[in-house]
Amino acid sequence: MADMALPRPSSPLAAWRDLKAFLAQQERHKFVFAAIALAIPAVIVTGFYVDSNIKPEAQIIYVQSWPASRTDDQIKAEQKIDQAKRDKQAAEKRRQYQELEKRLGI
């Protein structure tokens, strides 16, 4: 390998002529598919670029705050109220599914 010679660099004009000769030998449908193959990643990259420049509007999230001096009894009472709400919602959802089951005849 030490006695292998490196190829001579070609001129830009020779490279251009070589490219033109290569492209002249190809069928037209290959150019269409090559254009599609280049366009798809370009559209995807452009989409990511555009999406990265879109800033979401500020969201305000309200959080319920309790005093630090709440007693355990107050906490348990609040949990019972919350659990009753969840049970009521689950019962309503169950009723809706049962009604749907009756309508579908399952």
PDB file of N, CA and C in Angstrom:
ATOM      1  N   MET A   1       0.815  -1.190   0.000  1.00  0.00           N
ATOM      2  CA  MET A   1       0.000   0.000   0.000  1.00  0.00           C
ATOM      3  C   MET A   1       0.856   1.251   0.000  1.00  0.00           C
ATOM      4  N   ALA A   2       2.067   1.124   0.448  1.00  0.00           N
ATOM      5  CA  ALA A   2       2.929   2.296   0.510  1.00  0.00           C
ATOM      6  C   ALA A   2       3.254   2.804  -0.892  1.00  0.00           C
ATOM      7  N   ASP A   3       3.307   1.906  -1.903  1.00  0.00           N
ATOM      8  CA  ASP A   3       3.663   2.340  -3.246  1.00  0.00           C
ATOM      9  C   ASP A   3       2.433   2.677  -4.094  1.00  0.00           C
ATOM     10  N   MET A   4       1.244   2.740  -3.482  1.00  0.00           N
ATOM     11  CA  MET A   4       0.049   3.139  -4.236  1.00  0.00           C
ATOM     12  C   MET A   4       0.015   4.655  -4.372  1.00  0.00           C
ATOM     13  N   ALA A   5      -0.259   5.094  -5.560  1.00  0.00           N
ATOM     14  CA  ALA A   5      -0.325   6.529  -5.805  1.00  0.00           C
ATOM     15  C   ALA A   5      -1.752   7.020  -5.578  1.00  0.00           C
ATOM     16  N   LEU A   6      -1.868   8.204  -5.052  1.00  0.00           N
ATOM     17  CA  LEU A   6      -3.180   8.809  -4.869  1.00  0.00           C
ATOM     18  C   LEU A   6      -3.677   9.348  -6.202  1.00  0.00           C
ATOM     19  N   PRO A   7      -4.998   9.326  -6.423  1.00  0.00           N
ATOM     20  CA  PRO A   7      -5.502   9.861  -7.695  1.00  0.00           C
ATOM     21  C   PRO A   7      -5.330  11.371  -7.750  1.00  0.00           C
ATOM     22  N   ARG A   8      -5.176  11.852  -8.982  1.00  0.00           N
ATOM     23  CA  ARG A   8      -5.036  13.295  -9.154  1.00  0.00           C
ATOM     24  C   ARG A   8      -6.365  13.973  -8.848  1.00  0.00           C
ATOM     25  N   PRO A   9      -6.334  15.131  -8.256  1.00  0.00           N
ATOM     26  CA  PRO A   9      -7.589  15.859  -8.049  1.00  0.00           C
ATOM     27  C   PRO A   9      -8.115  16.341  -9.400  1.00  0.00           C
ATOM     28  N   SER A  10      -9.417  16.238  -9.581  1.00  0.00           N
ATOM     29  CA  SER A  10      -9.989  16.681 -10.858  1.00  0.00           C
ATOM     30  C   SER A  10     -10.447  18.126 -10.730  1.00  0.00           C
ATOM     31  N   SER A  11     -10.542  18.756 -11.879  1.00  0.00           N
ATOM     32  CA  SER A  11     -10.967  20.152 -11.876  1.00  0.00           C
ATOM     33  C   SER A  11     -12.485  20.218 -11.730  1.00  0.00           C
ATOM     34  N   PRO A  12     -13.009  21.346 -11.264  1.00  0.00           N
ATOM     35  CA  PRO A  12     -14.457  21.482 -11.150  1.00  0.00           C
ATOM     36  C   PRO A  12     -15.157  21.337 -12.507  1.00  0.00           C
ATOM     37  N   LEU A  13     -14.527  21.792 -13.572  1.00  0.00           N
ATOM     38  CA  LEU A  13     -15.119  21.668 -14.906  1.00  0.00           C
ATOM     39  C   LEU A  13     -15.223  20.199 -15.310  1.00  0.00           C
ATOM     40  N   ALA A  14     -14.200  19.403 -15.018  1.00  0.00           N
ATOM     41  CA  ALA A  14     -14.226  17.982 -15.346  1.00  0.00           C
ATOM     42  C   ALA A  14     -15.284  17.270 -14.509  1.00  0.00           C
ATOM     43  N   ALA A  15     -15.418  17.656 -13.253  1.00  0.00           N
ATOM     44  CA  ALA A  15     -16.443  17.054 -12.396  1.00  0.00           C
ATOM     45  C   ALA A  15     -17.835  17.401 -12.905  1.00  0.00           C
ATOM     46  N   TRP A  16     -18.028  18.647 -13.359  1.00  0.00           N
ATOM     47  CA  TRP A  16     -19.321  19.073 -13.892  1.00  0.00           C
ATOM     48  C   TRP A  16     -19.669  18.286 -15.154  1.00  0.00           C
ATOM     49  N   ARG A  17     -18.705  18.118 -16.042  1.00  0.00           N
ATOM     50  CA  ARG A  17     -18.933  17.360 -17.277  1.00  0.00           C
ATOM     51  C   ARG A  17     -19.261  15.899 -16.960  1.00  0.00           C
ATOM     52  N   ASP A  18     -18.571  15.347 -15.980  1.00  0.00           N
ATOM     53  CA  ASP A  18     -18.816  13.967 -15.579  1.00  0.00           C
ATOM     54  C   ASP A  18     -20.239  13.824 -15.018  1.00  0.00           C
ATOM     55  N   LEU A  19     -20.661  14.789 -14.212  1.00  0.00           N
ATOM     56  CA  LEU A  19     -22.015  14.750 -13.647  1.00  0.00           C
ATOM     57  C   LEU A  19     -23.062  14.873 -14.753  1.00  0.00           C
ATOM     58  N   LYS A  20     -22.830  15.767 -15.712  1.00  0.00           N
ATOM     59  CA  LYS A  20     -23.778  15.928 -16.826  1.00  0.00           C
ATOM     60  C   LYS A  20     -23.875  14.649 -17.644  1.00  0.00           C
ATOM     61  N   ALA A  21     -22.761  14.000 -17.882  1.00  0.00           N
ATOM     62  CA  ALA A  21     -22.774  12.757 -18.651  1.00  0.00           C
ATOM     63  C   ALA A  21     -23.506  11.658 -17.888  1.00  0.00           C
ATOM     64  N   PHE A  22     -23.312  11.601 -16.590  1.00  0.00           N
ATOM     65  CA  PHE A  22     -24.002  10.594 -15.780  1.00  0.00           C
ATOM     66  C   PHE A  22     -25.505  10.836 -15.789  1.00  0.00           C
ATOM     67  N   LEU A  23     -25.915  12.098 -15.611  1.00  0.00           N
ATOM     68  CA  LEU A  23     -27.339  12.411 -15.582  1.00  0.00           C
ATOM     69  C   LEU A  23     -28.004  12.196 -16.936  1.00  0.00           C
ATOM     70  N   ALA A  24     -27.262  12.367 -18.023  1.00  0.00           N
ATOM     71  CA  ALA A  24     -27.823  12.169 -19.360  1.00  0.00           C
ATOM     72  C   ALA A  24     -28.137  10.701 -19.615  1.00  0.00           C
ATOM     73  N   GLN A  25     -27.482   9.800 -18.917  1.00  0.00           N
ATOM     74  CA  GLN A  25     -27.705   8.365 -19.112  1.00  0.00           C
ATOM     75  C   GLN A  25     -28.890   7.834 -18.312  1.00  0.00           C
ATOM     76  N   GLN A  26     -29.382   8.586 -17.336  1.00  0.00           N
ATOM     77  CA  GLN A  26     -30.436   8.104 -16.450  1.00  0.00           C
ATOM     78  C   GLN A  26     -31.821   8.317 -17.060  1.00  0.00           C
ATOM     79  N   GLU A  27     -32.766   7.439 -16.674  1.00  0.00           N
ATOM     80  CA  GLU A  27     -34.144   7.590 -17.138  1.00  0.00           C
ATOM     81  C   GLU A  27     -34.834   8.689 -16.342  1.00  0.00           C
ATOM     82  N   ARG A  28     -35.905   9.235 -16.948  1.00  0.00           N
ATOM     83  CA  ARG A  28     -36.604  10.370 -16.368  1.00  0.00           C
ATOM     84  C   ARG A  28     -37.268  10.020 -15.031  1.00  0.00           C
ATOM     85  N   HIS A  29     -37.812   8.812 -14.895  1.00  0.00           N
ATOM     86  CA  HIS A  29     -38.523   8.463 -13.659  1.00  0.00           C
ATOM     87  C   HIS A  29     -37.587   8.433 -12.453  1.00  0.00           C
ATOM     88  N   LYS A  30     -36.305   8.218 -12.678  1.00  0.00           N
ATOM     89  CA  LYS A  30     -35.362   8.223 -11.560  1.00  0.00           C
ATOM     90  C   LYS A  30     -35.219   9.623 -10.965  1.00  0.00           C
ATOM     91  N   PHE A  31     -35.311  10.643 -11.819  1.00  0.00           N
ATOM     92  CA  PHE A  31     -35.237  12.017 -11.334  1.00  0.00           C
ATOM     93  C   PHE A  31     -36.462  12.373 -10.498  1.00  0.00           C
ATOM     94  N   VAL A  32     -37.631  11.869 -10.932  1.00  0.00           N
ATOM     95  CA  VAL A  32     -38.860  12.137 -10.178  1.00  0.00           C
ATOM     96  C   VAL A  32     -38.751  11.520  -8.786  1.00  0.00           C
ATOM     97  N   PHE A  33     -38.333  10.264  -8.720  1.00  0.00           N
ATOM     98  CA  PHE A  33     -38.214   9.605  -7.425  1.00  0.00           C
ATOM     99  C   PHE A  33     -37.100  10.221  -6.581  1.00  0.00           C
ATOM    100  N   ALA A  34     -36.034  10.672  -7.215  1.00  0.00           N
ATOM    101  CA  ALA A  34     -34.960  11.341  -6.473  1.00  0.00           C
ATOM    102  C   ALA A  34     -35.470  12.655  -5.883  1.00  0.00           C
ATOM    103  N   ALA A  35     -36.276  13.390  -6.649  1.00  0.00           N
ATOM    104  CA  ALA A  35     -36.842  14.646  -6.143  1.00  0.00           C
ATOM    105  C   ALA A  35     -37.782  14.376  -4.967  1.00  0.00           C
ATOM    106  N   ILE A  36     -38.591  13.327  -5.072  1.00  0.00           N
ATOM    107  CA  ILE A  36     -39.495  12.973  -3.970  1.00  0.00           C
ATOM    108  C   ILE A  36     -38.676  12.560  -2.745  1.00  0.00           C
ATOM    109  N   ALA A  37     -37.629  11.775  -2.967  1.00  0.00           N
ATOM    110  CA  ALA A  37     -36.796  11.317  -1.861  1.00  0.00           C
ATOM    111  C   ALA A  37     -36.095  12.485  -1.166  1.00  0.00           C
ATOM    112  N   LEU A  38     -35.785  13.536  -1.877  1.00  0.00           N
ATOM    113  CA  LEU A  38     -35.181  14.713  -1.264  1.00  0.00           C
ATOM    114  C   LEU A  38     -36.228  15.624  -0.628  1.00  0.00           C
ATOM    115  N   ALA A  39     -37.429  15.661  -1.207  1.00  0.00           N
ATOM    116  CA  ALA A  39     -38.469  16.561  -0.706  1.00  0.00           C
ATOM    117  C   ALA A  39     -39.043  16.095   0.627  1.00  0.00           C
ATOM    118  N   ILE A  40     -39.211  14.794   0.811  1.00  0.00           N
ATOM    119  CA  ILE A  40     -39.828  14.295   2.046  1.00  0.00           C
ATOM    120  C   ILE A  40     -39.008  14.680   3.283  1.00  0.00           C
ATOM    121  N   PRO A  41     -37.713  14.398   3.340  1.00  0.00           N
ATOM    122  CA  PRO A  41     -36.958  14.838   4.532  1.00  0.00           C
ATOM    123  C   PRO A  41     -36.915  16.364   4.663  1.00  0.00           C
ATOM    124  N   ALA A  42     -36.893  17.069   3.517  1.00  0.00           N
ATOM    125  CA  ALA A  42     -36.877  18.538   3.585  1.00  0.00           C
ATOM    126  C   ALA A  42     -38.166  19.053   4.224  1.00  0.00           C
ATOM    127  N   VAL A  43     -39.305  18.456   3.888  1.00  0.00           N
ATOM    128  CA  VAL A  43     -40.582  18.868   4.484  1.00  0.00           C
ATOM    129  C   VAL A  43     -40.585  18.560   5.976  1.00  0.00           C
ATOM    130  N   ILE A  44     -40.081  17.393   6.359  1.00  0.00           N
ATOM    131  CA  ILE A  44     -40.058  17.017   7.772  1.00  0.00           C
ATOM    132  C   ILE A  44     -39.158  17.964   8.565  1.00  0.00           C
ATOM    133  N   VAL A  45     -37.966  18.238   8.066  1.00  0.00           N
ATOM    134  CA  VAL A  45     -37.040  19.144   8.761  1.00  0.00           C
ATOM    135  C   VAL A  45     -37.630  20.545   8.833  1.00  0.00           C
ATOM    136  N   THR A  46     -38.264  20.997   7.763  1.00  0.00           N
ATOM    137  CA  THR A  46     -38.902  22.315   7.761  1.00  0.00           C
ATOM    138  C   THR A  46     -40.026  22.358   8.787  1.00  0.00           C
ATOM    139  N   GLY A  47     -40.800  21.288   8.873  1.00  0.00           N
ATOM    140  CA  GLY A  47     -41.874  21.227   9.862  1.00  0.00           C
ATOM    141  C   GLY A  47     -41.348  21.326  11.279  1.00  0.00           C
ATOM    142  N   PHE A  48     -40.256  20.614  11.571  1.00  0.00           N
ATOM    143  CA  PHE A  48     -39.663  20.711  12.902  1.00  0.00           C
ATOM    144  C   PHE A  48     -39.140  22.127  13.168  1.00  0.00           C
ATOM    145  N   TYR A  49     -38.557  22.745  12.152  1.00  0.00           N
ATOM    146  CA  TYR A  49     -38.040  24.106  12.323  1.00  0.00           C
ATOM    147  C   TYR A  49     -39.165  25.087  12.613  1.00  0.00           C
ATOM    148  N   VAL A  50     -40.234  24.998  11.841  1.00  0.00           N
ATOM    149  CA  VAL A  50     -41.372  25.901  12.048  1.00  0.00           C
ATOM    150  C   VAL A  50     -41.997  25.651  13.419  1.00  0.00           C
ATOM    151  N   ASP A  51     -42.138  24.379  13.784  1.00  0.00           N
ATOM    152  CA  ASP A  51     -42.745  24.047  15.075  1.00  0.00           C
ATOM    153  C   ASP A  51     -41.893  24.532  16.238  1.00  0.00           C
ATOM    154  N   SER A  52     -40.578  24.550  16.065  1.00  0.00           N
ATOM    155  CA  SER A  52     -39.719  24.988  17.163  1.00  0.00           C
ATOM    156  C   SER A  52     -39.814  26.490  17.395  1.00  0.00           C
ATOM    157  N   ASN A  53     -40.281  27.228  16.416  1.00  0.00           N
ATOM    158  CA  ASN A  53     -40.400  28.678  16.551  1.00  0.00           C
ATOM    159  C   ASN A  53     -41.765  29.114  17.070  1.00  0.00           C
ATOM    160  N   ILE A  54     -42.691  28.186  17.237  1.00  0.00           N
ATOM    161  CA  ILE A  54     -44.018  28.521  17.746  1.00  0.00           C
ATOM    162  C   ILE A  54     -43.976  28.445  19.263  1.00  0.00           C
ATOM    163  N   LYS A  55     -44.265  29.557  19.898  1.00  0.00           N
ATOM    164  CA  LYS A  55     -44.230  29.624  21.355  1.00  0.00           C
ATOM    165  C   LYS A  55     -45.647  29.427  21.893  1.00  0.00           C
ATOM    166  N   PRO A  56     -45.838  28.495  22.822  1.00  0.00           N
ATOM    167  CA  PRO A  56     -47.175  28.316  23.377  1.00  0.00           C
ATOM    168  C   PRO A  56     -47.535  29.499  24.274  1.00  0.00           C
ATOM    169  N   GLU A  57     -48.830  29.790  24.330  1.00  0.00           N
ATOM    170  CA  GLU A  57     -49.241  30.896  25.179  1.00  0.00           C
ATOM    171  C   GLU A  57     -49.148  30.465  26.648  1.00  0.00           C
ATOM    172  N   ALA A  58     -48.992  31.422  27.498  1.00  0.00           N
ATOM    173  CA  ALA A  58     -48.817  31.139  28.920  1.00  0.00           C
ATOM    174  C   ALA A  58     -50.088  30.533  29.500  1.00  0.00           C
ATOM    175  N   GLN A  59     -49.915  29.521  30.333  1.00  0.00           N
ATOM    176  CA  GLN A  59     -51.039  28.890  30.994  1.00  0.00           C
ATOM    177  C   GLN A  59     -51.012  29.254  32.470  1.00  0.00           C
ATOM    178  N   ILE A  60     -52.175  29.569  32.994  1.00  0.00           N
ATOM    179  CA  ILE A  60     -52.284  29.845  34.415  1.00  0.00           C
ATOM    180  C   ILE A  60     -52.929  28.626  35.054  1.00  0.00           C
ATOM    181  N   ILE A  61     -52.259  28.059  36.017  1.00  0.00           N
ATOM    182  CA  ILE A  61     -52.766  26.880  36.709  1.00  0.00           C
ATOM    183  C   ILE A  61     -53.051  27.285  38.148  1.00  0.00           C
ATOM    184  N   TYR A  62     -54.309  27.146  38.515  1.00  0.00           N
ATOM    185  CA  TYR A  62     -54.708  27.491  39.874  1.00  0.00           C
ATOM    186  C   TYR A  62     -54.615  26.250  40.749  1.00  0.00           C
ATOM    187  N   VAL A  63     -54.023  26.394  41.906  1.00  0.00           N
ATOM    188  CA  VAL A  63     -53.844  25.297  42.840  1.00  0.00           C
ATOM    189  C   VAL A  63     -54.539  25.666  44.147  1.00  0.00           C
ATOM    190  N   GLN A  64     -55.272  24.708  44.668  1.00  0.00           N
ATOM    191  CA  GLN A  64     -55.955  24.958  45.927  1.00  0.00           C
ATOM    192  C   GLN A  64     -54.930  24.993  47.053  1.00  0.00           C
ATOM    193  N   SER A  65     -55.036  25.991  47.878  1.00  0.00           N
ATOM    194  CA  SER A  65     -54.079  26.153  48.970  1.00  0.00           C
ATOM    195  C   SER A  65     -54.800  25.985  50.304  1.00  0.00           C
ATOM    196  N   TRP A  66     -54.149  25.314  51.218  1.00  0.00           N
ATOM    197  CA  TRP A  66     -54.718  25.099  52.548  1.00  0.00           C
ATOM    198  C   TRP A  66     -53.800  25.720  53.584  1.00  0.00           C
ATOM    199  N   PRO A  67     -54.369  26.107  54.678  1.00  0.00           N
ATOM    200  CA  PRO A  67     -53.511  26.647  55.741  1.00  0.00           C
ATOM    201  C   PRO A  67     -52.668  25.534  56.356  1.00  0.00           C
ATOM    202  N   ALA A  68     -51.495  25.863  56.789  1.00  0.00           N
ATOM    203  CA  ALA A  68     -50.596  24.880  57.382  1.00  0.00           C
ATOM    204  C   ALA A  68     -51.105  24.395  58.734  1.00  0.00           C
ATOM    205  N   SER A  69     -52.055  25.109  59.298  1.00  0.00           N
ATOM    206  CA  SER A  69     -52.552  24.755  60.628  1.00  0.00           C
ATOM    207  C   SER A  69     -53.752  23.801  60.571  1.00  0.00           C
ATOM    208  N   ARG A  70     -54.011  23.179  59.418  1.00  0.00           N
ATOM    209  CA  ARG A  70     -55.140  22.240  59.321  1.00  0.00           C
ATOM    210  C   ARG A  70     -54.910  21.054  60.234  1.00  0.00           C
ATOM    211  N   THR A  71     -55.978  20.570  60.799  1.00  0.00           N
ATOM    212  CA  THR A  71     -55.866  19.390  61.659  1.00  0.00           C
ATOM    213  C   THR A  71     -56.073  18.137  60.825  1.00  0.00           C
ATOM    214  N   ASP A  72     -55.693  16.999  61.385  1.00  0.00           N
ATOM    215  CA  ASP A  72     -55.876  15.728  60.693  1.00  0.00           C
ATOM    216  C   ASP A  72     -57.348  15.441  60.457  1.00  0.00           C
ATOM    217  N   ASP A  73     -58.198  15.842  61.381  1.00  0.00           N
ATOM    218  CA  ASP A  73     -59.644  15.624  61.220  1.00  0.00           C
ATOM    219  C   ASP A  73     -60.176  16.410  60.023  1.00  0.00           C
ATOM    220  N   GLN A  74     -59.688  17.629  59.845  1.00  0.00           N
ATOM    221  CA  GLN A  74     -60.110  18.430  58.694  1.00  0.00           C
ATOM    222  C   GLN A  74     -59.645  17.784  57.387  1.00  0.00           C
ATOM    223  N   ILE A  75     -58.436  17.258  57.396  1.00  0.00           N
ATOM    224  CA  ILE A  75     -57.894  16.598  56.199  1.00  0.00           C
ATOM    225  C   ILE A  75     -58.718  15.367  55.863  1.00  0.00           C
ATOM    226  N   LYS A  76     -59.026  14.552  56.878  1.00  0.00           N
ATOM    227  CA  LYS A  76     -59.826  13.344  56.644  1.00  0.00           C
ATOM    228  C   LYS A  76     -61.220  13.684  56.158  1.00  0.00           C
ATOM    229  N   ALA A  77     -61.818  14.738  56.690  1.00  0.00           N
ATOM    230  CA  ALA A  77     -63.154  15.153  56.247  1.00  0.00           C
ATOM    231  C   ALA A  77     -63.118  15.580  54.783  1.00  0.00           C
ATOM    232  N   GLU A  78     -62.095  16.322  54.408  1.00  0.00           N
ATOM    233  CA  GLU A  78     -61.947  16.756  53.009  1.00  0.00           C
ATOM    234  C   GLU A  78     -61.731  15.551  52.093  1.00  0.00           C
ATOM    235  N   GLN A  79     -60.950  14.569  52.544  1.00  0.00           N
ATOM    236  CA  GLN A  79     -60.719  13.363  51.750  1.00  0.00           C
ATOM    237  C   GLN A  79     -62.005  12.572  51.559  1.00  0.00           C
ATOM    238  N   LYS A  80     -62.859  12.524  52.593  1.00  0.00           N
ATOM    239  CA  LYS A  80     -64.144  11.830  52.478  1.00  0.00           C
ATOM    240  C   LYS A  80     -65.044  12.516  51.458  1.00  0.00           C
ATOM    241  N   ILE A  81     -65.040  13.843  51.461  1.00  0.00           N
ATOM    242  CA  ILE A  81     -65.833  14.597  50.491  1.00  0.00           C
ATOM    243  C   ILE A  81     -65.327  14.326  49.077  1.00  0.00           C
ATOM    244  N   ASP A  82     -64.000  14.369  48.900  1.00  0.00           N
ATOM    245  CA  ASP A  82     -63.410  14.107  47.585  1.00  0.00           C
ATOM    246  C   ASP A  82     -63.701  12.679  47.125  1.00  0.00           C
ATOM    247  N   GLN A  83     -63.617  11.712  48.052  1.00  0.00           N
ATOM    248  CA  GLN A  83     -63.890  10.317  47.691  1.00  0.00           C
ATOM    249  C   GLN A  83     -65.350  10.149  47.291  1.00  0.00           C
ATOM    250  N   ALA A  84     -66.264  10.839  47.981  1.00  0.00           N
ATOM    251  CA  ALA A  84     -67.688  10.769  47.625  1.00  0.00           C
ATOM    252  C   ALA A  84     -67.913  11.316  46.218  1.00  0.00           C
ATOM    253  N   LYS A  85     -67.202  12.393  45.853  1.00  0.00           N
ATOM    254  CA  LYS A  85     -67.321  12.950  44.499  1.00  0.00           C
ATOM    255  C   LYS A  85     -66.820  11.947  43.461  1.00  0.00           C
ATOM    256  N   ARG A  86     -65.671  11.308  43.749  1.00  0.00           N
ATOM    257  CA  ARG A  86     -65.123  10.319  42.810  1.00  0.00           C
ATOM    258  C   ARG A  86     -66.052   9.124  42.669  1.00  0.00           C
ATOM    259  N   ASP A  87     -66.634   8.671  43.795  1.00  0.00           N
ATOM    260  CA  ASP A  87     -67.567   7.543  43.737  1.00  0.00           C
ATOM    261  C   ASP A  87     -68.800   7.896  42.908  1.00  0.00           C
ATOM    262  N   LYS A  88     -69.301   9.122  43.075  1.00  0.00           N
ATOM    263  CA  LYS A  88     -70.470   9.569  42.318  1.00  0.00           C
ATOM    264  C   LYS A  88     -70.159   9.602  40.819  1.00  0.00           C
ATOM    265  N   GLN A  89     -68.978  10.100  40.458  1.00  0.00           N
ATOM    266  CA  GLN A  89     -68.584  10.148  39.047  1.00  0.00           C
ATOM    267  C   GLN A  89     -68.427   8.740  38.477  1.00  0.00           C
ATOM    268  N   ALA A  90     -67.850   7.832  39.266  1.00  0.00           N
ATOM    269  CA  ALA A  90     -67.675   6.453  38.804  1.00  0.00           C
ATOM    270  C   ALA A  90     -69.029   5.778  38.624  1.00  0.00           C
ATOM    271  N   ALA A  91     -69.969   6.036  39.533  1.00  0.00           N
ATOM    272  CA  ALA A  91     -71.305   5.454  39.422  1.00  0.00           C
ATOM    273  C   ALA A  91     -72.024   5.986  38.184  1.00  0.00           C
ATOM    274  N   GLU A  92     -71.867   7.259  37.901  1.00  0.00           N
ATOM    275  CA  GLU A  92     -72.502   7.846  36.716  1.00  0.00           C
ATOM    276  C   GLU A  92     -71.902   7.248  35.439  1.00  0.00           C
ATOM    277  N   LYS A  93     -70.598   7.093  35.409  1.00  0.00           N
ATOM    278  CA  LYS A  93     -69.937   6.497  34.249  1.00  0.00           C
ATOM    279  C   LYS A  93     -70.383   5.043  34.068  1.00  0.00           C
ATOM    280  N   ARG A  94     -70.482   4.310  35.167  1.00  0.00           N
ATOM    281  CA  ARG A  94     -70.957   2.918  35.120  1.00  0.00           C
ATOM    282  C   ARG A  94     -72.387   2.859  34.578  1.00  0.00           C
ATOM    283  N   ARG A  95     -73.242   3.796  35.032  1.00  0.00           N
ATOM    284  CA  ARG A  95     -74.619   3.848  34.553  1.00  0.00           C
ATOM    285  C   ARG A  95     -74.669   4.118  33.049  1.00  0.00           C
ATOM    286  N   GLN A  96     -73.813   5.026  32.577  1.00  0.00           N
ATOM    287  CA  GLN A  96     -73.780   5.339  31.143  1.00  0.00           C
ATOM    288  C   GLN A  96     -73.342   4.121  30.337  1.00  0.00           C
ATOM    289  N   TYR A  97     -72.348   3.385  30.840  1.00  0.00           N
ATOM    290  CA  TYR A  97     -71.908   2.177  30.141  1.00  0.00           C
ATOM    291  C   TYR A  97     -72.993   1.108  30.129  1.00  0.00           C
ATOM    292  N   GLN A  98     -73.729   0.968  31.232  1.00  0.00           N
ATOM    293  CA  GLN A  98     -74.819  -0.008  31.285  1.00  0.00           C
ATOM    294  C   GLN A  98     -75.924   0.367  30.308  1.00  0.00           C
ATOM    295  N   GLU A  99     -76.208   1.670  30.221  1.00  0.00           N
ATOM    296  CA  GLU A  99     -77.219   2.138  29.267  1.00  0.00           C
ATOM    297  C   GLU A  99     -76.763   1.851  27.837  1.00  0.00           C
ATOM    298  N   LEU A 100     -75.510   2.092  27.554  1.00  0.00           N
ATOM    299  CA  LEU A 100     -74.966   1.812  26.229  1.00  0.00           C
ATOM    300  C   LEU A 100     -75.030   0.319  25.935  1.00  0.00           C
ATOM    301  N   GLU A 101     -74.734  -0.494  26.934  1.00  0.00           N
ATOM    302  CA  GLU A 101     -74.793  -1.954  26.771  1.00  0.00           C
ATOM    303  C   GLU A 101     -76.208  -2.398  26.432  1.00  0.00           C
ATOM    304  N   LYS A 102     -77.195  -1.819  27.082  1.00  0.00           N
ATOM    305  CA  LYS A 102     -78.592  -2.160  26.803  1.00  0.00           C
ATOM    306  C   LYS A 102     -78.980  -1.746  25.375  1.00  0.00           C
ATOM    307  N   ARG A 103     -78.543  -0.551  24.958  1.00  0.00           N
ATOM    308  CA  ARG A 103     -78.882  -0.089  23.604  1.00  0.00           C
ATOM    309  C   ARG A 103     -78.228  -0.954  22.539  1.00  0.00           C
ATOM    310  N   LEU A 104     -76.991  -1.414  22.805  1.00  0.00           N
ATOM    311  CA  LEU A 104     -76.307  -2.250  21.812  1.00  0.00           C
ATOM    312  C   LEU A 104     -76.743  -3.705  21.884  1.00  0.00           C
ATOM    313  N   GLY A 105     -77.411  -4.080  22.944  1.00  0.00           N
ATOM    314  CA  GLY A 105     -77.887  -5.445  23.090  1.00  0.00           C
ATOM    315  C   GLY A 105     -76.791  -6.446  23.378  1.00  0.00           C
ATOM    316  N   ILE A 106     -75.822  -6.041  24.139  1.00  0.00           N
ATOM    317  CA  ILE A 106     -74.687  -6.924  24.467  1.00  0.00           C
ATOM    318  C   ILE A 106     -75.021  -7.733  25.691  1.00  0.00           C
TER     319      ILE A 106
END
